[in-house]
Amino acid sequence: MVNIRELDPSASPLAFYGAELRRFREAAGLTQQQLGDIVYCSGSLVGQIETAKKLPTRDFTQCVDAALNTGGALIRILERGRRS
């Protein structure tokens, strides 16, 4: 069984971004690896960003927004988090 780390979106802007990324990915029915394949990165990187262990780049966020059809939600979260 896979050990899925629980997220606390209120812990930081980065944690909120990760929780939203996971929510959008799961709503699209994709695994971390499948999303990684779509945006040309590893599933491990997707997981590290979801769990706030790595900072997402603007390029990664734009690709993920497009792949998950979020209407730019993640880029807005990223920009807001960088200002705080």
PDB file of N, CA and C in Angstrom:
ATOM      1  N   MET A   1       0.835  -1.176   0.000  1.00  0.00           N
ATOM      2  CA  MET A   1       0.000   0.000   0.000  1.00  0.00           C
ATOM      3  C   MET A   1       0.885   1.246   0.000  1.00  0.00           C
ATOM      4  N   VAL A   2       0.465   2.259  -0.731  1.00  0.00           N
ATOM      5  CA  VAL A   2       1.210   3.499  -0.835  1.00  0.00           C
ATOM      6  C   VAL A   2       0.960   4.346   0.399  1.00  0.00           C
ATOM      7  N   ASN A   3       2.036   4.936   0.934  1.00  0.00           N
ATOM      8  CA  ASN A   3       1.917   5.828   2.079  1.00  0.00           C
ATOM      9  C   ASN A   3       1.741   7.246   1.561  1.00  0.00           C
ATOM     10  N   ILE A   4       0.546   7.807   1.702  1.00  0.00           N
ATOM     11  CA  ILE A   4       0.253   9.141   1.213  1.00  0.00           C
ATOM     12  C   ILE A   4       0.335  10.108   2.382  1.00  0.00           C
ATOM     13  N   ARG A   5       1.237  11.074   2.262  1.00  0.00           N
ATOM     14  CA  ARG A   5       1.425  12.061   3.313  1.00  0.00           C
ATOM     15  C   ARG A   5       0.238  13.014   3.334  1.00  0.00           C
ATOM     16  N   GLU A   6      -0.316  13.205   4.517  1.00  0.00           N
ATOM     17  CA  GLU A   6      -1.406  14.160   4.682  1.00  0.00           C
ATOM     18  C   GLU A   6      -0.846  15.567   4.558  1.00  0.00           C
ATOM     19  N   LEU A   7      -1.631  16.439   3.996  1.00  0.00           N
ATOM     20  CA  LEU A   7      -1.203  17.809   3.801  1.00  0.00           C
ATOM     21  C   LEU A   7      -1.981  18.747   4.713  1.00  0.00           C
ATOM     22  N   ASP A   8      -1.296  19.775   5.199  1.00  0.00           N
ATOM     23  CA  ASP A   8      -1.949  20.823   5.965  1.00  0.00           C
ATOM     24  C   ASP A   8      -1.848  22.102   5.138  1.00  0.00           C
ATOM     25  N   PRO A   9      -2.863  22.394   4.323  1.00  0.00           N
ATOM     26  CA  PRO A   9      -2.799  23.553   3.433  1.00  0.00           C
ATOM     27  C   PRO A   9      -2.613  24.877   4.159  1.00  0.00           C
ATOM     28  N   SER A  10      -2.934  24.915   5.450  1.00  0.00           N
ATOM     29  CA  SER A  10      -2.796  26.167   6.188  1.00  0.00           C
ATOM     30  C   SER A  10      -1.385  26.373   6.747  1.00  0.00           C
ATOM     31  N   ALA A  11      -0.511  25.408   6.566  1.00  0.00           N
ATOM     32  CA  ALA A  11       0.833  25.485   7.143  1.00  0.00           C
ATOM     33  C   ALA A  11       1.692  26.572   6.500  1.00  0.00           C
ATOM     34  N   SER A  12       1.522  26.788   5.205  1.00  0.00           N
ATOM     35  CA  SER A  12       2.318  27.785   4.488  1.00  0.00           C
ATOM     36  C   SER A  12       1.728  27.955   3.095  1.00  0.00           C
ATOM     37  N   PRO A  13       2.115  29.023   2.405  1.00  0.00           N
ATOM     38  CA  PRO A  13       1.661  29.172   1.017  1.00  0.00           C
ATOM     39  C   PRO A  13       2.121  28.003   0.137  1.00  0.00           C
ATOM     40  N   LEU A  14       3.313  27.492   0.398  1.00  0.00           N
ATOM     41  CA  LEU A  14       3.833  26.358  -0.365  1.00  0.00           C
ATOM     42  C   LEU A  14       2.996  25.103  -0.115  1.00  0.00           C
ATOM     43  N   ALA A  15       2.592  24.896   1.118  1.00  0.00           N
ATOM     44  CA  ALA A  15       1.743  23.746   1.448  1.00  0.00           C
ATOM     45  C   ALA A  15       0.367  23.886   0.800  1.00  0.00           C
ATOM     46  N   PHE A  16      -0.162  25.101   0.753  1.00  0.00           N
ATOM     47  CA  PHE A  16      -1.444  25.330   0.094  1.00  0.00           C
ATOM     48  C   PHE A  16      -1.334  25.026  -1.396  1.00  0.00           C
ATOM     49  N   TYR A  17      -0.251  25.488  -2.027  1.00  0.00           N
ATOM     50  CA  TYR A  17      -0.014  25.192  -3.445  1.00  0.00           C
ATOM     51  C   TYR A  17       0.020  23.675  -3.652  1.00  0.00           C
ATOM     52  N   GLY A  18       0.772  22.971  -2.817  1.00  0.00           N
ATOM     53  CA  GLY A  18       0.887  21.517  -2.952  1.00  0.00           C
ATOM     54  C   GLY A  18      -0.439  20.802  -2.800  1.00  0.00           C
ATOM     55  N   ALA A  19      -1.228  21.238  -1.830  1.00  0.00           N
ATOM     56  CA  ALA A  19      -2.539  20.624  -1.607  1.00  0.00           C
ATOM     57  C   ALA A  19      -3.459  20.858  -2.799  1.00  0.00           C
ATOM     58  N   GLU A  20      -3.414  22.058  -3.352  1.00  0.00           N
ATOM     59  CA  GLU A  20      -4.240  22.352  -4.521  1.00  0.00           C
ATOM     60  C   GLU A  20      -3.763  21.572  -5.741  1.00  0.00           C
ATOM     61  N   LEU A  21      -2.453  21.466  -5.913  1.00  0.00           N
ATOM     62  CA  LEU A  21      -1.917  20.659  -7.015  1.00  0.00           C
ATOM     63  C   LEU A  21      -2.418  19.228  -6.900  1.00  0.00           C
ATOM     64  N   ARG A  22      -2.339  18.654  -5.709  1.00  0.00           N
ATOM     65  CA  ARG A  22      -2.815  17.280  -5.510  1.00  0.00           C
ATOM     66  C   ARG A  22      -4.315  17.180  -5.805  1.00  0.00           C
ATOM     67  N   ARG A  23      -5.078  18.154  -5.324  1.00  0.00           N
ATOM     68  CA  ARG A  23      -6.536  18.131  -5.544  1.00  0.00           C
ATOM     69  C   ARG A  23      -6.865  18.170  -7.034  1.00  0.00           C
ATOM     70  N   PHE A  24      -6.226  19.061  -7.772  1.00  0.00           N
ATOM     71  CA  PHE A  24      -6.460  19.147  -9.222  1.00  0.00           C
ATOM     72  C   PHE A  24      -6.008  17.860  -9.929  1.00  0.00           C
ATOM     73  N   ARG A  25      -4.851  17.323  -9.535  1.00  0.00           N
ATOM     74  CA  ARG A  25      -4.333  16.106 -10.172  1.00  0.00           C
ATOM     75  C   ARG A  25      -5.275  14.934  -9.937  1.00  0.00           C
ATOM     76  N   GLU A  26      -5.705  14.763  -8.700  1.00  0.00           N
ATOM     77  CA  GLU A  26      -6.604  13.657  -8.385  1.00  0.00           C
ATOM     78  C   GLU A  26      -7.954  13.820  -9.073  1.00  0.00           C
ATOM     79  N   ALA A  27      -8.443  15.058  -9.170  1.00  0.00           N
ATOM     80  CA  ALA A  27      -9.708  15.311  -9.864  1.00  0.00           C
ATOM     81  C   ALA A  27      -9.600  14.944 -11.343  1.00  0.00           C
ATOM     82  N   ALA A  28      -8.395  15.086 -11.894  1.00  0.00           N
ATOM     83  CA  ALA A  28      -8.162  14.712 -13.295  1.00  0.00           C
ATOM     84  C   ALA A  28      -7.943  13.211 -13.453  1.00  0.00           C
ATOM     85  N   GLY A  29      -7.874  12.491 -12.339  1.00  0.00           N
ATOM     86  CA  GLY A  29      -7.687  11.042 -12.390  1.00  0.00           C
ATOM     87  C   GLY A  29      -6.278  10.625 -12.760  1.00  0.00           C
ATOM     88  N   LEU A  30      -5.297  11.459 -12.427  1.00  0.00           N
ATOM     89  CA  LEU A  30      -3.910  11.174 -12.791  1.00  0.00           C
ATOM     90  C   LEU A  30      -3.073  10.813 -11.569  1.00  0.00           C
ATOM     91  N   THR A  31      -2.118   9.928 -11.772  1.00  0.00           N
ATOM     92  CA  THR A  31      -1.122   9.660 -10.742  1.00  0.00           C
ATOM     93  C   THR A  31      -0.035  10.726 -10.849  1.00  0.00           C
ATOM     94  N   GLN A  32       0.820  10.771  -9.860  1.00  0.00           N
ATOM     95  CA  GLN A  32       1.949  11.699  -9.925  1.00  0.00           C
ATOM     96  C   GLN A  32       2.806  11.406 -11.152  1.00  0.00           C
ATOM     97  N   GLN A  33       3.046  10.139 -11.419  1.00  0.00           N
ATOM     98  CA  GLN A  33       3.875   9.766 -12.574  1.00  0.00           C
ATOM     99  C   GLN A  33       3.205  10.162 -13.889  1.00  0.00           C
ATOM    100  N   GLN A  34       1.916   9.951 -13.994  1.00  0.00           N
ATOM    101  CA  GLN A  34       1.213  10.327 -15.227  1.00  0.00           C
ATOM    102  C   GLN A  34       1.283  11.830 -15.467  1.00  0.00           C
ATOM    103  N   LEU A  35       1.090  12.619 -14.407  1.00  0.00           N
ATOM    104  CA  LEU A  35       1.202  14.065 -14.569  1.00  0.00           C
ATOM    105  C   LEU A  35       2.635  14.442 -14.931  1.00  0.00           C
ATOM    106  N   GLY A  36       3.592  13.817 -14.268  1.00  0.00           N
ATOM    107  CA  GLY A  36       4.993  14.076 -14.595  1.00  0.00           C
ATOM    108  C   GLY A  36       5.300  13.790 -16.054  1.00  0.00           C
ATOM    109  N   ASP A  37       4.774  12.694 -16.568  1.00  0.00           N
ATOM    110  CA  ASP A  37       4.987  12.353 -17.980  1.00  0.00           C
ATOM    111  C   ASP A  37       4.408  13.429 -18.899  1.00  0.00           C
ATOM    112  N   ILE A  38       3.273  13.969 -18.538  1.00  0.00           N
ATOM    113  CA  ILE A  38       2.620  14.988 -19.362  1.00  0.00           C
ATOM    114  C   ILE A  38       3.426  16.283 -19.380  1.00  0.00           C
ATOM    115  N   VAL A  39       3.990  16.662 -18.232  1.00  0.00           N
ATOM    116  CA  VAL A  39       4.700  17.947 -18.141  1.00  0.00           C
ATOM    117  C   VAL A  39       6.219  17.777 -18.176  1.00  0.00           C
ATOM    118  N   TYR A  40       6.674  16.585 -18.551  1.00  0.00           N
ATOM    119  CA  TYR A  40       8.106  16.315 -18.768  1.00  0.00           C
ATOM    120  C   TYR A  40       8.960  16.480 -17.523  1.00  0.00           C
ATOM    121  N   CYS A  41       8.490  15.865 -16.435  1.00  0.00           N
ATOM    122  CA  CYS A  41       9.297  15.783 -15.224  1.00  0.00           C
ATOM    123  C   CYS A  41       8.994  14.432 -14.574  1.00  0.00           C
ATOM    124  N   SER A  42       9.637  14.151 -13.472  1.00  0.00           N
ATOM    125  CA  SER A  42       9.402  12.869 -12.809  1.00  0.00           C
ATOM    126  C   SER A  42       8.176  12.933 -11.904  1.00  0.00           C
ATOM    127  N   GLY A  43       7.587  11.783 -11.686  1.00  0.00           N
ATOM    128  CA  GLY A  43       6.491  11.695 -10.728  1.00  0.00           C
ATOM    129  C   GLY A  43       6.979  12.040  -9.335  1.00  0.00           C
ATOM    130  N   SER A  44       8.237  11.744  -9.067  1.00  0.00           N
ATOM    131  CA  SER A  44       8.840  12.065  -7.782  1.00  0.00           C
ATOM    132  C   SER A  44       8.858  13.580  -7.553  1.00  0.00           C
ATOM    133  N   LEU A  45       9.188  14.344  -8.580  1.00  0.00           N
ATOM    134  CA  LEU A  45       9.181  15.794  -8.445  1.00  0.00           C
ATOM    135  C   LEU A  45       7.770  16.298  -8.169  1.00  0.00           C
ATOM    136  N   VAL A  46       6.791  15.760  -8.863  1.00  0.00           N
ATOM    137  CA  VAL A  46       5.398  16.144  -8.607  1.00  0.00           C
ATOM    138  C   VAL A  46       5.064  15.881  -7.141  1.00  0.00           C
ATOM    139  N   GLY A  47       5.451  14.725  -6.637  1.00  0.00           N
ATOM    140  CA  GLY A  47       5.192  14.377  -5.241  1.00  0.00           C
ATOM    141  C   GLY A  47       5.894  15.305  -4.268  1.00  0.00           C
ATOM    142  N   GLN A  48       7.125  15.675  -4.576  1.00  0.00           N
ATOM    143  CA  GLN A  48       7.873  16.572  -3.695  1.00  0.00           C
ATOM    144  C   GLN A  48       7.253  17.965  -3.675  1.00  0.00           C
ATOM    145  N   ILE A  49       6.739  18.397  -4.797  1.00  0.00           N
ATOM    146  CA  ILE A  49       6.064  19.700  -4.835  1.00  0.00           C
ATOM    147  C   ILE A  49       4.740  19.619  -4.091  1.00  0.00           C
ATOM    148  N   GLU A  50       4.008  18.522  -4.265  1.00  0.00           N
ATOM    149  CA  GLU A  50       2.739  18.355  -3.554  1.00  0.00           C
ATOM    150  C   GLU A  50       2.926  18.356  -2.041  1.00  0.00           C
ATOM    151  N   THR A  51       4.032  17.832  -1.572  1.00  0.00           N
ATOM    152  CA  THR A  51       4.267  17.740  -0.130  1.00  0.00           C
ATOM    153  C   THR A  51       5.142  18.875   0.394  1.00  0.00           C
ATOM    154  N   ALA A  52       5.310  19.914  -0.408  1.00  0.00           N
ATOM    155  CA  ALA A  52       6.031  21.137  -0.024  1.00  0.00           C
ATOM    156  C   ALA A  52       7.499  20.895   0.308  1.00  0.00           C
ATOM    157  N   LYS A  53       8.088  19.886  -0.319  1.00  0.00           N
ATOM    158  CA  LYS A  53       9.520  19.638  -0.131  1.00  0.00           C
ATOM    159  C   LYS A  53      10.358  20.345  -1.181  1.00  0.00           C
ATOM    160  N   LYS A  54       9.746  20.692  -2.300  1.00  0.00           N
ATOM    161  CA  LYS A  54      10.430  21.411  -3.381  1.00  0.00           C
ATOM    162  C   LYS A  54       9.577  22.600  -3.791  1.00  0.00           C
ATOM    163  N   LEU A  55      10.252  23.658  -4.204  1.00  0.00           N
ATOM    164  CA  LEU A  55       9.560  24.843  -4.704  1.00  0.00           C
ATOM    165  C   LEU A  55       9.174  24.646  -6.164  1.00  0.00           C
ATOM    166  N   PRO A  56       7.951  24.942  -6.514  1.00  0.00           N
ATOM    167  CA  PRO A  56       7.564  24.862  -7.930  1.00  0.00           C
ATOM    168  C   PRO A  56       8.109  26.070  -8.686  1.00  0.00           C
ATOM    169  N   THR A  57       8.515  25.844  -9.913  1.00  0.00           N
ATOM    170  CA  THR A  57       8.943  26.958 -10.758  1.00  0.00           C
ATOM    171  C   THR A  57       7.733  27.513 -11.500  1.00  0.00           C
ATOM    172  N   ARG A  58       7.915  28.679 -12.054  1.00  0.00           N
ATOM    173  CA  ARG A  58       6.852  29.282 -12.856  1.00  0.00           C
ATOM    174  C   ARG A  58       6.580  28.420 -14.098  1.00  0.00           C
ATOM    175  N   ASP A  59       7.645  27.914 -14.741  1.00  0.00           N
ATOM    176  CA  ASP A  59       7.466  27.070 -15.925  1.00  0.00           C
ATOM    177  C   ASP A  59       6.696  25.795 -15.591  1.00  0.00           C
ATOM    178  N   PHE A  60       7.073  25.138 -14.483  1.00  0.00           N
ATOM    179  CA  PHE A  60       6.367  23.930 -14.052  1.00  0.00           C
ATOM    180  C   PHE A  60       4.894  24.253 -13.831  1.00  0.00           C
ATOM    181  N   THR A  61       4.632  25.350 -13.137  1.00  0.00           N
ATOM    182  CA  THR A  61       3.265  25.722 -12.800  1.00  0.00           C
ATOM    183  C   THR A  61       2.439  26.021 -14.042  1.00  0.00           C
ATOM    184  N   GLN A  62       3.012  26.713 -15.001  1.00  0.00           N
ATOM    185  CA  GLN A  62       2.281  26.991 -16.240  1.00  0.00           C
ATOM    186  C   GLN A  62       1.947  25.695 -16.978  1.00  0.00           C
ATOM    187  N   CYS A  63       2.892  24.765 -17.017  1.00  0.00           N
ATOM    188  CA  CYS A  63       2.650  23.477 -17.688  1.00  0.00           C
ATOM    189  C   CYS A  63       1.563  22.678 -16.971  1.00  0.00           C
ATOM    190  N   VAL A  64       1.615  22.665 -15.651  1.00  0.00           N
ATOM    191  CA  VAL A  64       0.636  21.914 -14.871  1.00  0.00           C
ATOM    192  C   VAL A  64      -0.749  22.552 -14.984  1.00  0.00           C
ATOM    193  N   ASP A  65      -0.801  23.883 -14.939  1.00  0.00           N
ATOM    194  CA  ASP A  65      -2.086  24.563 -15.128  1.00  0.00           C
ATOM    195  C   ASP A  65      -2.712  24.157 -16.461  1.00  0.00           C
ATOM    196  N   ALA A  66      -1.912  24.133 -17.509  1.00  0.00           N
ATOM    197  CA  ALA A  66      -2.430  23.767 -18.834  1.00  0.00           C
ATOM    198  C   ALA A  66      -2.850  22.295 -18.862  1.00  0.00           C
ATOM    199  N   ALA A  67      -2.025  21.426 -18.309  1.00  0.00           N
ATOM    200  CA  ALA A  67      -2.311  19.990 -18.339  1.00  0.00           C
ATOM    201  C   ALA A  67      -3.564  19.640 -17.538  1.00  0.00           C
ATOM    202  N   LEU A  68      -3.781  20.339 -16.436  1.00  0.00           N
ATOM    203  CA  LEU A  68      -4.906  20.027 -15.561  1.00  0.00           C
ATOM    204  C   LEU A  68      -6.114  20.926 -15.807  1.00  0.00           C
ATOM    205  N   ASN A  69      -5.989  21.830 -16.774  1.00  0.00           N
ATOM    206  CA  ASN A  69      -7.110  22.701 -17.126  1.00  0.00           C
ATOM    207  C   ASN A  69      -7.628  23.489 -15.926  1.00  0.00           C
ATOM    208  N   THR A  70      -6.727  24.110 -15.190  1.00  0.00           N
ATOM    209  CA  THR A  70      -7.114  24.810 -13.965  1.00  0.00           C
ATOM    210  C   THR A  70      -7.542  26.252 -14.199  1.00  0.00           C
ATOM    211  N   GLY A  71      -7.403  26.739 -15.416  1.00  0.00           N
ATOM    212  CA  GLY A  71      -7.744  28.133 -15.684  1.00  0.00           C
ATOM    213  C   GLY A  71      -6.756  29.098 -15.059  1.00  0.00           C
ATOM    214  N   GLY A  72      -5.541  28.629 -14.799  1.00  0.00           N
ATOM    215  CA  GLY A  72      -4.512  29.490 -14.225  1.00  0.00           C
ATOM    216  C   GLY A  72      -4.536  29.575 -12.713  1.00  0.00           C
ATOM    217  N   ALA A  73      -5.274  28.696 -12.064  1.00  0.00           N
ATOM    218  CA  ALA A  73      -5.399  28.754 -10.600  1.00  0.00           C
ATOM    219  C   ALA A  73      -4.054  28.584  -9.900  1.00  0.00           C
ATOM    220  N   LEU A  74      -3.244  27.649 -10.367  1.00  0.00           N
ATOM    221  CA  LEU A  74      -1.977  27.391  -9.684  1.00  0.00           C
ATOM    222  C   LEU A  74      -0.982  28.532  -9.860  1.00  0.00           C
ATOM    223  N   ILE A  75      -0.971  29.162 -11.027  1.00  0.00           N
ATOM    224  CA  ILE A  75      -0.055  30.282 -11.224  1.00  0.00           C
ATOM    225  C   ILE A  75      -0.465  31.446 -10.319  1.00  0.00           C
ATOM    226  N   ARG A  76      -1.766  31.635 -10.118  1.00  0.00           N
ATOM    227  CA  ARG A  76      -2.220  32.683  -9.207  1.00  0.00           C
ATOM    228  C   ARG A  76      -1.808  32.367  -7.764  1.00  0.00           C
ATOM    229  N   ILE A  77      -1.909  31.107  -7.370  1.00  0.00           N
ATOM    230  CA  ILE A  77      -1.483  30.694  -6.032  1.00  0.00           C
ATOM    231  C   ILE A  77       0.028  30.905  -5.871  1.00  0.00           C
ATOM    232  N   LEU A  78       0.777  30.530  -6.897  1.00  0.00           N
ATOM    233  CA  LEU A  78       2.242  30.690  -6.853  1.00  0.00           C
ATOM    234  C   LEU A  78       2.622  32.159  -6.695  1.00  0.00           C
ATOM    235  N   GLU A  79       2.006  33.011  -7.481  1.00  0.00           N
ATOM    236  CA  GLU A  79       2.322  34.440  -7.418  1.00  0.00           C
ATOM    237  C   GLU A  79       1.933  35.033  -6.070  1.00  0.00           C
ATOM    238  N   ARG A  80       0.798  34.629  -5.567  1.00  0.00           N
ATOM    239  CA  ARG A  80       0.351  35.115  -4.256  1.00  0.00           C
ATOM    240  C   ARG A  80       1.308  34.648  -3.157  1.00  0.00           C
ATOM    241  N   GLY A  81       1.738  33.400  -3.241  1.00  0.00           N
ATOM    242  CA  GLY A  81       2.667  32.865  -2.249  1.00  0.00           C
ATOM    243  C   GLY A  81       4.015  33.554  -2.275  1.00  0.00           C
ATOM    244  N   ARG A  82       4.470  33.920  -3.439  1.00  0.00           N
ATOM    245  CA  ARG A  82       5.762  34.619  -3.554  1.00  0.00           C
ATOM    246  C   ARG A  82       5.700  36.015  -2.979  1.00  0.00           C
ATOM    247  N   ARG A  83       4.523  36.626  -2.977  1.00  0.00           N
ATOM    248  CA  ARG A  83       4.374  37.969  -2.416  1.00  0.00           C
ATOM    249  C   ARG A  83       4.257  37.951  -0.893  1.00  0.00           C
ATOM    250  N   SER A  84       3.916  36.787  -0.337  1.00  0.00           N
ATOM    251  CA  SER A  84       3.719  36.748   1.113  1.00  0.00           C
ATOM    252  C   SER A  84       4.964  36.298   1.846  1.00  0.00           C
TER     253      SER A  84
END
